[in-house]
N, C-alpha and C. Protein backbone atom coordinates (compact mmCIF):
# COMPACT_ATOMS: atom_id res chain seq x y z
N MET A 1 -11.50 34.17 -32.99
CA MET A 1 -12.18 33.95 -31.76
C MET A 1 -11.14 34.00 -30.64
N SER A 2 -11.45 34.70 -29.59
CA SER A 2 -10.52 34.80 -28.46
C SER A 2 -11.13 34.13 -27.24
N PHE A 3 -10.25 33.64 -26.42
CA PHE A 3 -10.69 32.97 -25.21
C PHE A 3 -10.35 33.85 -24.01
N PRO A 4 -11.18 33.80 -23.00
CA PRO A 4 -10.87 34.62 -21.82
C PRO A 4 -9.61 34.10 -21.13
N VAL A 5 -8.87 34.98 -20.59
CA VAL A 5 -7.66 34.64 -19.87
C VAL A 5 -8.06 34.17 -18.48
N PRO A 6 -7.56 33.03 -18.06
CA PRO A 6 -7.93 32.58 -16.71
C PRO A 6 -7.35 33.52 -15.67
N PRO A 7 -8.04 33.62 -14.53
CA PRO A 7 -7.52 34.51 -13.48
C PRO A 7 -6.20 33.97 -12.95
N PRO A 8 -5.34 34.88 -12.52
CA PRO A 8 -4.06 34.41 -11.99
C PRO A 8 -4.30 33.55 -10.75
N MET A 9 -3.56 32.47 -10.70
CA MET A 9 -3.71 31.56 -9.56
C MET A 9 -3.02 32.16 -8.36
N SER A 10 -3.49 31.72 -7.21
CA SER A 10 -2.80 32.14 -6.00
C SER A 10 -1.41 31.52 -6.01
N ALA A 11 -0.68 31.78 -5.00
CA ALA A 11 0.69 31.28 -4.94
C ALA A 11 0.72 29.77 -5.20
N GLY A 12 1.69 29.33 -5.94
CA GLY A 12 1.81 27.92 -6.28
C GLY A 12 2.12 27.09 -5.04
N PRO A 13 2.03 25.78 -5.19
CA PRO A 13 2.24 24.93 -4.03
C PRO A 13 3.62 25.07 -3.41
N SER A 14 4.61 25.41 -4.23
CA SER A 14 5.96 25.53 -3.67
C SER A 14 6.12 26.83 -2.88
N GLU A 15 5.25 27.80 -3.16
CA GLU A 15 5.35 29.08 -2.46
C GLU A 15 4.46 29.13 -1.24
N ARG A 16 3.52 28.21 -1.14
CA ARG A 16 2.61 28.19 0.00
C ARG A 16 3.13 27.20 1.02
N PRO A 17 2.96 27.51 2.29
CA PRO A 17 3.41 26.55 3.30
C PRO A 17 2.50 25.31 3.32
N VAL A 18 3.10 24.18 3.55
CA VAL A 18 2.35 22.94 3.64
C VAL A 18 1.70 22.90 5.02
N PRO A 19 0.37 22.72 5.07
CA PRO A 19 -0.29 22.66 6.39
C PRO A 19 0.23 21.50 7.23
N ALA A 20 0.16 21.67 8.52
CA ALA A 20 0.62 20.64 9.44
C ALA A 20 -0.16 19.34 9.25
N ASP A 21 -1.45 19.44 8.93
CA ASP A 21 -2.26 18.23 8.72
C ASP A 21 -1.75 17.42 7.54
N VAL A 22 -1.33 18.09 6.48
CA VAL A 22 -0.82 17.40 5.29
C VAL A 22 0.53 16.75 5.61
N THR A 23 1.36 17.46 6.36
CA THR A 23 2.65 16.90 6.75
C THR A 23 2.45 15.66 7.62
N THR A 24 1.52 15.73 8.56
CA THR A 24 1.25 14.58 9.43
C THR A 24 0.66 13.42 8.62
N ALA A 25 -0.23 13.73 7.67
CA ALA A 25 -0.80 12.68 6.81
C ALA A 25 0.31 12.01 6.00
N TYR A 26 1.24 12.80 5.49
CA TYR A 26 2.39 12.25 4.76
C TYR A 26 3.18 11.30 5.66
N GLN A 27 3.43 11.70 6.90
CA GLN A 27 4.18 10.86 7.83
C GLN A 27 3.42 9.58 8.16
N LEU A 28 2.10 9.69 8.32
CA LEU A 28 1.31 8.49 8.58
C LEU A 28 1.36 7.53 7.40
N TRP A 29 1.27 8.07 6.18
CA TRP A 29 1.36 7.21 5.00
C TRP A 29 2.73 6.56 4.91
N CYS A 30 3.78 7.28 5.28
CA CYS A 30 5.13 6.67 5.29
C CYS A 30 5.17 5.53 6.31
N GLY A 31 4.49 5.69 7.43
CA GLY A 31 4.40 4.61 8.41
C GLY A 31 3.66 3.41 7.85
N VAL A 32 2.59 3.66 7.10
CA VAL A 32 1.83 2.57 6.47
C VAL A 32 2.74 1.81 5.50
N LEU A 33 3.50 2.55 4.71
CA LEU A 33 4.39 1.91 3.74
C LEU A 33 5.54 1.16 4.43
N GLY A 34 6.03 1.71 5.54
CA GLY A 34 7.05 1.01 6.31
C GLY A 34 6.53 -0.32 6.85
N LEU A 35 5.29 -0.30 7.33
CA LEU A 35 4.67 -1.54 7.81
C LEU A 35 4.40 -2.50 6.65
N ALA A 36 4.17 -1.95 5.46
CA ALA A 36 3.99 -2.81 4.29
C ALA A 36 5.29 -3.56 3.98
N VAL A 37 6.42 -2.90 4.17
CA VAL A 37 7.71 -3.58 3.98
C VAL A 37 7.88 -4.69 5.01
N VAL A 38 7.50 -4.41 6.26
CA VAL A 38 7.57 -5.43 7.31
C VAL A 38 6.70 -6.63 6.95
N THR A 39 5.49 -6.36 6.47
CA THR A 39 4.57 -7.42 6.07
C THR A 39 5.15 -8.23 4.91
N LEU A 40 5.74 -7.54 3.95
CA LEU A 40 6.34 -8.22 2.80
C LEU A 40 7.47 -9.14 3.25
N VAL A 41 8.35 -8.65 4.10
CA VAL A 41 9.47 -9.46 4.58
C VAL A 41 8.96 -10.67 5.37
N ALA A 42 7.97 -10.44 6.23
CA ALA A 42 7.42 -11.56 7.01
C ALA A 42 6.77 -12.59 6.10
N SER A 43 6.09 -12.13 5.07
CA SER A 43 5.46 -13.05 4.12
C SER A 43 6.49 -13.85 3.34
N LEU A 44 7.60 -13.21 2.97
CA LEU A 44 8.66 -13.92 2.26
C LEU A 44 9.32 -14.96 3.16
N VAL A 45 9.55 -14.61 4.42
CA VAL A 45 10.12 -15.57 5.36
C VAL A 45 9.17 -16.75 5.53
N ASP A 46 7.89 -16.47 5.63
CA ASP A 46 6.89 -17.54 5.76
C ASP A 46 6.87 -18.42 4.51
N MET A 47 7.00 -17.79 3.35
CA MET A 47 7.00 -18.54 2.10
C MET A 47 8.18 -19.50 2.03
N VAL A 48 9.34 -19.04 2.48
CA VAL A 48 10.53 -19.90 2.48
C VAL A 48 10.38 -20.99 3.54
N ALA A 49 9.84 -20.65 4.70
CA ALA A 49 9.68 -21.62 5.78
C ALA A 49 8.69 -22.72 5.40
N ARG A 50 7.70 -22.38 4.62
CA ARG A 50 6.67 -23.35 4.22
C ARG A 50 6.90 -23.83 2.79
N ARG A 51 8.13 -23.97 2.45
CA ARG A 51 8.54 -24.35 1.10
C ARG A 51 7.91 -25.67 0.64
N THR A 52 7.87 -26.66 1.51
CA THR A 52 7.33 -27.96 1.11
C THR A 52 5.84 -27.88 0.81
N GLU A 53 5.11 -27.08 1.60
CA GLU A 53 3.68 -26.89 1.31
C GLU A 53 3.49 -26.21 -0.04
N LEU A 54 4.35 -25.24 -0.34
CA LEU A 54 4.27 -24.54 -1.61
C LEU A 54 4.55 -25.49 -2.78
N VAL A 55 5.55 -26.34 -2.62
CA VAL A 55 5.88 -27.31 -3.68
C VAL A 55 4.73 -28.30 -3.84
N ASP A 56 4.16 -28.75 -2.73
CA ASP A 56 3.01 -29.67 -2.81
C ASP A 56 1.84 -29.02 -3.55
N LEU A 57 1.58 -27.75 -3.26
CA LEU A 57 0.51 -27.04 -3.95
C LEU A 57 0.80 -26.92 -5.44
N MET A 58 2.04 -26.60 -5.78
CA MET A 58 2.39 -26.49 -7.20
C MET A 58 2.32 -27.85 -7.88
N THR A 59 2.69 -28.92 -7.18
CA THR A 59 2.60 -30.27 -7.74
C THR A 59 1.14 -30.62 -8.02
N GLU A 60 0.29 -30.27 -7.09
CA GLU A 60 -1.14 -30.53 -7.29
C GLU A 60 -1.68 -29.75 -8.49
N MET A 61 -1.23 -28.52 -8.62
CA MET A 61 -1.67 -27.70 -9.76
C MET A 61 -1.09 -28.22 -11.08
N ALA A 62 0.07 -28.87 -11.01
CA ALA A 62 0.74 -29.36 -12.22
C ALA A 62 0.13 -30.65 -12.75
N GLN A 63 -0.91 -31.15 -12.13
CA GLN A 63 -1.58 -32.36 -12.61
C GLN A 63 -2.33 -32.11 -13.91
N ASP A 64 -2.49 -30.86 -14.28
CA ASP A 64 -3.14 -30.50 -15.54
C ASP A 64 -2.33 -31.09 -16.70
N PRO A 65 -3.00 -31.61 -17.74
CA PRO A 65 -2.27 -32.20 -18.87
C PRO A 65 -1.31 -31.23 -19.56
N ALA A 66 -1.55 -29.96 -19.43
CA ALA A 66 -0.67 -28.97 -20.07
C ALA A 66 0.72 -28.97 -19.42
N PHE A 67 0.82 -29.43 -18.19
CA PHE A 67 2.09 -29.44 -17.47
C PHE A 67 2.70 -30.83 -17.40
N GLU A 68 2.35 -31.69 -18.32
CA GLU A 68 2.84 -33.07 -18.32
C GLU A 68 4.37 -33.07 -18.45
N GLY A 69 5.01 -33.87 -17.64
CA GLY A 69 6.45 -33.98 -17.70
C GLY A 69 7.18 -33.07 -16.73
N VAL A 70 6.48 -32.25 -15.99
CA VAL A 70 7.13 -31.38 -15.01
C VAL A 70 7.35 -32.19 -13.73
N THR A 71 8.59 -32.21 -13.27
CA THR A 71 8.92 -33.01 -12.09
C THR A 71 8.86 -32.15 -10.83
N SER A 72 8.80 -32.83 -9.69
CA SER A 72 8.76 -32.09 -8.42
C SER A 72 10.10 -31.38 -8.16
N GLU A 73 11.20 -31.92 -8.68
CA GLU A 73 12.49 -31.24 -8.54
C GLU A 73 12.49 -29.92 -9.31
N GLN A 74 11.88 -29.92 -10.48
CA GLN A 74 11.78 -28.68 -11.25
C GLN A 74 10.91 -27.67 -10.51
N LEU A 75 9.82 -28.15 -9.92
CA LEU A 75 8.96 -27.25 -9.17
C LEU A 75 9.68 -26.72 -7.93
N GLU A 76 10.47 -27.57 -7.29
CA GLU A 76 11.24 -27.15 -6.11
C GLU A 76 12.25 -26.07 -6.49
N SER A 77 12.83 -26.18 -7.68
CA SER A 77 13.83 -25.18 -8.10
C SER A 77 13.20 -23.84 -8.46
N THR A 78 11.89 -23.82 -8.65
CA THR A 78 11.24 -22.54 -8.98
C THR A 78 10.88 -21.73 -7.74
N VAL A 79 10.98 -22.31 -6.56
CA VAL A 79 10.60 -21.59 -5.34
C VAL A 79 11.46 -20.33 -5.13
N PRO A 80 12.79 -20.39 -5.26
CA PRO A 80 13.57 -19.15 -5.11
C PRO A 80 13.18 -18.08 -6.14
N VAL A 81 12.87 -18.52 -7.34
CA VAL A 81 12.43 -17.57 -8.36
C VAL A 81 11.11 -16.93 -7.95
N LEU A 82 10.21 -17.75 -7.43
CA LEU A 82 8.91 -17.24 -6.98
C LEU A 82 9.07 -16.26 -5.82
N VAL A 83 9.95 -16.58 -4.88
CA VAL A 83 10.21 -15.68 -3.75
C VAL A 83 10.83 -14.37 -4.25
N GLY A 84 11.78 -14.47 -5.16
CA GLY A 84 12.40 -13.26 -5.71
C GLY A 84 11.41 -12.40 -6.49
N PHE A 85 10.57 -13.05 -7.28
CA PHE A 85 9.55 -12.31 -8.03
C PHE A 85 8.57 -11.62 -7.09
N THR A 86 8.17 -12.33 -6.05
CA THR A 86 7.25 -11.74 -5.07
C THR A 86 7.89 -10.54 -4.38
N ALA A 87 9.16 -10.66 -4.01
CA ALA A 87 9.86 -9.55 -3.36
C ALA A 87 9.99 -8.35 -4.30
N ALA A 88 10.37 -8.61 -5.54
CA ALA A 88 10.53 -7.51 -6.50
C ALA A 88 9.20 -6.81 -6.78
N LEU A 89 8.15 -7.59 -6.97
CA LEU A 89 6.84 -7.00 -7.23
C LEU A 89 6.34 -6.21 -6.02
N GLY A 90 6.52 -6.77 -4.83
CA GLY A 90 6.08 -6.07 -3.63
C GLY A 90 6.83 -4.77 -3.41
N LEU A 91 8.14 -4.79 -3.57
CA LEU A 91 8.94 -3.57 -3.40
C LEU A 91 8.62 -2.54 -4.47
N ALA A 92 8.37 -3.00 -5.70
CA ALA A 92 8.00 -2.06 -6.77
C ALA A 92 6.67 -1.38 -6.46
N LEU A 93 5.72 -2.15 -5.98
CA LEU A 93 4.41 -1.59 -5.63
C LEU A 93 4.53 -0.58 -4.48
N ILE A 94 5.31 -0.93 -3.47
CA ILE A 94 5.52 -0.01 -2.35
C ILE A 94 6.23 1.25 -2.83
N GLY A 95 7.19 1.10 -3.73
CA GLY A 95 7.88 2.27 -4.28
C GLY A 95 6.97 3.19 -5.07
N VAL A 96 6.09 2.62 -5.88
CA VAL A 96 5.14 3.44 -6.64
C VAL A 96 4.19 4.17 -5.69
N LEU A 97 3.75 3.46 -4.66
CA LEU A 97 2.87 4.12 -3.68
C LEU A 97 3.60 5.25 -2.95
N TYR A 98 4.88 5.07 -2.68
CA TYR A 98 5.63 6.15 -2.05
C TYR A 98 5.71 7.37 -2.97
N LEU A 99 5.86 7.13 -4.26
CA LEU A 99 5.89 8.26 -5.20
C LEU A 99 4.56 9.01 -5.18
N VAL A 100 3.46 8.29 -5.02
CA VAL A 100 2.15 8.94 -4.92
C VAL A 100 2.05 9.71 -3.61
N VAL A 101 2.52 9.10 -2.53
CA VAL A 101 2.46 9.76 -1.21
C VAL A 101 3.27 11.05 -1.23
N ARG A 102 4.39 11.05 -1.92
CA ARG A 102 5.21 12.28 -2.00
C ARG A 102 4.46 13.43 -2.65
N GLN A 103 3.51 13.11 -3.52
CA GLN A 103 2.77 14.16 -4.22
C GLN A 103 1.80 14.89 -3.28
N LEU A 104 1.54 14.34 -2.11
CA LEU A 104 0.68 15.04 -1.15
C LEU A 104 1.26 16.39 -0.78
N ARG A 105 2.56 16.43 -0.51
CA ARG A 105 3.19 17.69 -0.09
C ARG A 105 3.34 18.67 -1.24
N ARG A 106 3.05 18.22 -2.45
CA ARG A 106 3.10 19.11 -3.61
C ARG A 106 1.71 19.58 -4.03
N ALA A 107 0.73 19.38 -3.15
CA ALA A 107 -0.65 19.84 -3.35
C ALA A 107 -1.32 19.19 -4.56
N LYS A 108 -1.02 17.94 -4.82
CA LYS A 108 -1.65 17.22 -5.93
C LYS A 108 -2.93 16.56 -5.43
N ASN A 109 -4.06 17.10 -5.85
CA ASN A 109 -5.35 16.59 -5.39
C ASN A 109 -5.60 15.17 -5.89
N TRP A 110 -5.08 14.82 -7.06
CA TRP A 110 -5.27 13.46 -7.57
C TRP A 110 -4.63 12.44 -6.64
N ALA A 111 -3.49 12.80 -6.05
CA ALA A 111 -2.81 11.88 -5.12
C ALA A 111 -3.66 11.71 -3.86
N ARG A 112 -4.26 12.79 -3.40
CA ARG A 112 -5.12 12.72 -2.22
C ARG A 112 -6.31 11.80 -2.48
N MET A 113 -6.92 11.94 -3.65
CA MET A 113 -8.09 11.12 -3.98
C MET A 113 -7.70 9.65 -4.14
N LEU A 114 -6.58 9.40 -4.82
CA LEU A 114 -6.12 8.02 -5.02
C LEU A 114 -5.79 7.36 -3.68
N LEU A 115 -5.11 8.09 -2.82
CA LEU A 115 -4.77 7.53 -1.51
C LEU A 115 -6.01 7.35 -0.64
N THR A 116 -6.99 8.22 -0.80
CA THR A 116 -8.23 8.04 -0.06
C THR A 116 -8.93 6.76 -0.48
N LEU A 117 -9.04 6.54 -1.78
CA LEU A 117 -9.67 5.30 -2.26
C LEU A 117 -8.90 4.07 -1.81
N LEU A 118 -7.60 4.11 -1.95
CA LEU A 118 -6.76 2.99 -1.54
C LEU A 118 -6.87 2.76 -0.04
N GLY A 119 -6.87 3.84 0.72
CA GLY A 119 -6.95 3.73 2.17
C GLY A 119 -8.28 3.16 2.64
N VAL A 120 -9.37 3.56 2.01
CA VAL A 120 -10.68 2.99 2.37
C VAL A 120 -10.69 1.50 2.07
N PHE A 121 -10.17 1.12 0.92
CA PHE A 121 -10.10 -0.31 0.57
C PHE A 121 -9.25 -1.08 1.58
N MET A 122 -8.09 -0.54 1.92
CA MET A 122 -7.20 -1.21 2.88
C MET A 122 -7.87 -1.35 4.24
N SER A 123 -8.55 -0.30 4.67
CA SER A 123 -9.18 -0.33 5.99
C SER A 123 -10.34 -1.32 6.02
N LEU A 124 -11.13 -1.34 4.97
CA LEU A 124 -12.25 -2.28 4.93
C LEU A 124 -11.77 -3.72 4.83
N SER A 125 -10.66 -3.93 4.14
CA SER A 125 -10.15 -5.30 4.02
C SER A 125 -9.53 -5.80 5.32
N THR A 126 -9.29 -4.90 6.27
CA THR A 126 -8.74 -5.29 7.56
C THR A 126 -9.84 -5.68 8.55
N LEU A 127 -11.07 -5.32 8.27
CA LEU A 127 -12.17 -5.61 9.20
C LEU A 127 -12.27 -7.08 9.59
N PRO A 128 -12.14 -8.04 8.67
CA PRO A 128 -12.20 -9.44 9.12
C PRO A 128 -11.11 -9.77 10.15
N THR A 129 -9.95 -9.18 10.01
CA THR A 129 -8.86 -9.42 10.95
C THR A 129 -9.23 -8.91 12.34
N VAL A 130 -9.92 -7.77 12.38
CA VAL A 130 -10.33 -7.20 13.67
C VAL A 130 -11.22 -8.19 14.43
N PHE A 131 -12.07 -8.90 13.70
CA PHE A 131 -12.98 -9.84 14.33
C PHE A 131 -12.42 -11.25 14.40
N GLY A 132 -11.14 -11.43 14.07
CA GLY A 132 -10.48 -12.72 14.22
C GLY A 132 -10.69 -13.68 13.07
N VAL A 133 -11.27 -13.21 11.98
CA VAL A 133 -11.50 -14.07 10.82
C VAL A 133 -10.34 -13.85 9.85
N GLY A 134 -9.78 -14.91 9.34
CA GLY A 134 -8.73 -14.78 8.34
C GLY A 134 -7.34 -14.62 8.91
N VAL A 135 -7.23 -14.62 10.24
CA VAL A 135 -5.91 -14.53 10.84
C VAL A 135 -5.26 -15.89 10.68
N GLY A 136 -4.06 -15.90 10.14
CA GLY A 136 -3.36 -17.16 9.93
C GLY A 136 -2.98 -17.79 11.26
N GLY A 137 -2.57 -19.02 11.21
CA GLY A 137 -2.18 -19.73 12.42
C GLY A 137 -0.80 -19.34 12.87
N GLY A 138 -0.54 -19.57 14.12
CA GLY A 138 0.80 -19.35 14.65
C GLY A 138 1.09 -17.90 14.97
N THR A 139 2.31 -17.72 15.42
CA THR A 139 2.74 -16.38 15.83
C THR A 139 2.80 -15.43 14.65
N LEU A 140 3.27 -15.91 13.51
CA LEU A 140 3.38 -15.04 12.34
C LEU A 140 2.01 -14.51 11.91
N GLY A 141 1.01 -15.34 11.95
CA GLY A 141 -0.34 -14.91 11.59
C GLY A 141 -0.85 -13.81 12.52
N TRP A 142 -0.58 -13.96 13.80
CA TRP A 142 -1.01 -12.93 14.76
C TRP A 142 -0.23 -11.64 14.56
N ILE A 143 1.05 -11.75 14.29
CA ILE A 143 1.86 -10.55 14.05
C ILE A 143 1.37 -9.82 12.81
N LEU A 144 1.13 -10.57 11.72
CA LEU A 144 0.64 -9.95 10.49
C LEU A 144 -0.74 -9.33 10.70
N GLY A 145 -1.58 -9.97 11.51
CA GLY A 145 -2.89 -9.41 11.82
C GLY A 145 -2.77 -8.11 12.58
N PHE A 146 -1.87 -8.08 13.58
CA PHE A 146 -1.64 -6.86 14.35
C PHE A 146 -1.09 -5.74 13.48
N VAL A 147 -0.13 -6.07 12.63
CA VAL A 147 0.44 -5.06 11.73
C VAL A 147 -0.64 -4.52 10.79
N GLY A 148 -1.52 -5.40 10.31
CA GLY A 148 -2.61 -4.95 9.44
C GLY A 148 -3.56 -4.00 10.14
N ILE A 149 -3.84 -4.27 11.41
CA ILE A 149 -4.73 -3.38 12.17
C ILE A 149 -4.06 -2.03 12.40
N VAL A 150 -2.78 -2.05 12.73
CA VAL A 150 -2.05 -0.78 12.92
C VAL A 150 -2.01 0.01 11.61
N GLN A 151 -1.81 -0.69 10.49
CA GLN A 151 -1.84 -0.02 9.19
C GLN A 151 -3.19 0.63 8.94
N ALA A 152 -4.26 -0.06 9.27
CA ALA A 152 -5.61 0.48 9.06
C ALA A 152 -5.83 1.73 9.91
N VAL A 153 -5.36 1.71 11.15
CA VAL A 153 -5.52 2.88 12.03
C VAL A 153 -4.73 4.07 11.47
N LEU A 154 -3.50 3.82 11.04
CA LEU A 154 -2.69 4.90 10.46
C LEU A 154 -3.33 5.44 9.18
N THR A 155 -3.90 4.54 8.39
CA THR A 155 -4.53 4.94 7.13
C THR A 155 -5.75 5.81 7.38
N VAL A 156 -6.59 5.41 8.32
CA VAL A 156 -7.78 6.22 8.63
C VAL A 156 -7.37 7.59 9.15
N GLY A 157 -6.35 7.63 10.00
CA GLY A 157 -5.85 8.92 10.48
C GLY A 157 -5.35 9.80 9.35
N ALA A 158 -4.62 9.22 8.41
CA ALA A 158 -4.11 9.99 7.28
C ALA A 158 -5.26 10.51 6.40
N ILE A 159 -6.27 9.68 6.19
CA ILE A 159 -7.40 10.10 5.36
C ILE A 159 -8.12 11.28 6.00
N VAL A 160 -8.35 11.18 7.31
CA VAL A 160 -9.03 12.28 8.01
C VAL A 160 -8.22 13.56 7.89
N LEU A 161 -6.93 13.47 8.11
CA LEU A 161 -6.08 14.67 8.04
C LEU A 161 -6.01 15.25 6.63
N MET A 162 -6.08 14.40 5.61
CA MET A 162 -6.00 14.90 4.23
C MET A 162 -7.26 15.66 3.82
N HIS A 163 -8.34 15.51 4.59
CA HIS A 163 -9.61 16.14 4.20
C HIS A 163 -10.08 17.18 5.21
N ARG A 164 -9.22 17.64 6.07
CA ARG A 164 -9.60 18.69 7.01
C ARG A 164 -9.59 20.04 6.30
N LYS A 165 -10.08 21.05 6.99
CA LYS A 165 -10.29 22.38 6.41
C LYS A 165 -9.02 22.96 5.76
N ASP A 166 -7.92 23.01 6.51
CA ASP A 166 -6.68 23.57 5.95
C ASP A 166 -6.15 22.73 4.80
N SER A 167 -6.32 21.42 4.91
CA SER A 167 -5.87 20.54 3.83
C SER A 167 -6.68 20.79 2.56
N ASN A 168 -7.98 20.96 2.70
CA ASN A 168 -8.82 21.24 1.53
C ASN A 168 -8.39 22.53 0.86
N ARG A 169 -8.12 23.55 1.65
CA ARG A 169 -7.65 24.82 1.06
C ARG A 169 -6.34 24.60 0.29
N TYR A 170 -5.47 23.81 0.85
CA TYR A 170 -4.17 23.56 0.24
C TYR A 170 -4.31 22.78 -1.07
N PHE A 171 -5.07 21.70 -1.04
CA PHE A 171 -5.20 20.87 -2.24
C PHE A 171 -6.04 21.54 -3.32
N LEU A 172 -7.06 22.30 -2.94
CA LEU A 172 -7.93 22.93 -3.93
C LEU A 172 -7.46 24.33 -4.29
N ARG A 173 -6.33 24.74 -3.71
CA ARG A 173 -5.72 26.04 -3.98
C ARG A 173 -6.68 27.19 -3.71
N LEU A 174 -7.40 27.07 -2.63
CA LEU A 174 -8.32 28.13 -2.22
C LEU A 174 -7.52 29.19 -1.49
N PRO A 175 -7.99 30.44 -1.52
CA PRO A 175 -7.24 31.50 -0.81
C PRO A 175 -7.26 31.25 0.69
N GLN A 176 -6.18 31.63 1.32
CA GLN A 176 -6.08 31.51 2.78
C GLN A 176 -6.91 32.60 3.43
N ASN A 177 -7.62 32.24 4.47
CA ASN A 177 -8.45 33.24 5.19
C ASN A 177 -7.80 33.63 6.47
């Protein structure tokens, strides 16, 4: 039994020029990730600044019989570990997302779809902040709220650019007209 030979594909992604819309979407996503680093750093600074509240919360959670014998000094000593773990996890997640964003310029449609889904989720989760709900107290809360709104705007712009006519031709490997 023989199978039909697939038709030759048009020029591969490396041989075709990357449309300006895809390049701009890539740059917008890099901006989103840069703001994610800013948010992560601000959150870590806030976590360290509110260390006593964090220890109090952990002490309250440690009232469970399974944690019998855990002292507040031991809980206090875990705060740097918690901050380090949060930083490492946040940076790893941002790094993985950057690897996905890089695939946009290589005409990977799966990356476009994944970023579209992620971007819609991010944008919808920012809506409460737009209406003033969920904004933390103080200056840091307002700054994080503003950064979240800017991230949402950049994300929506990137999504629109990733799905325009030239971008669709590029990602779906359609012939250029």
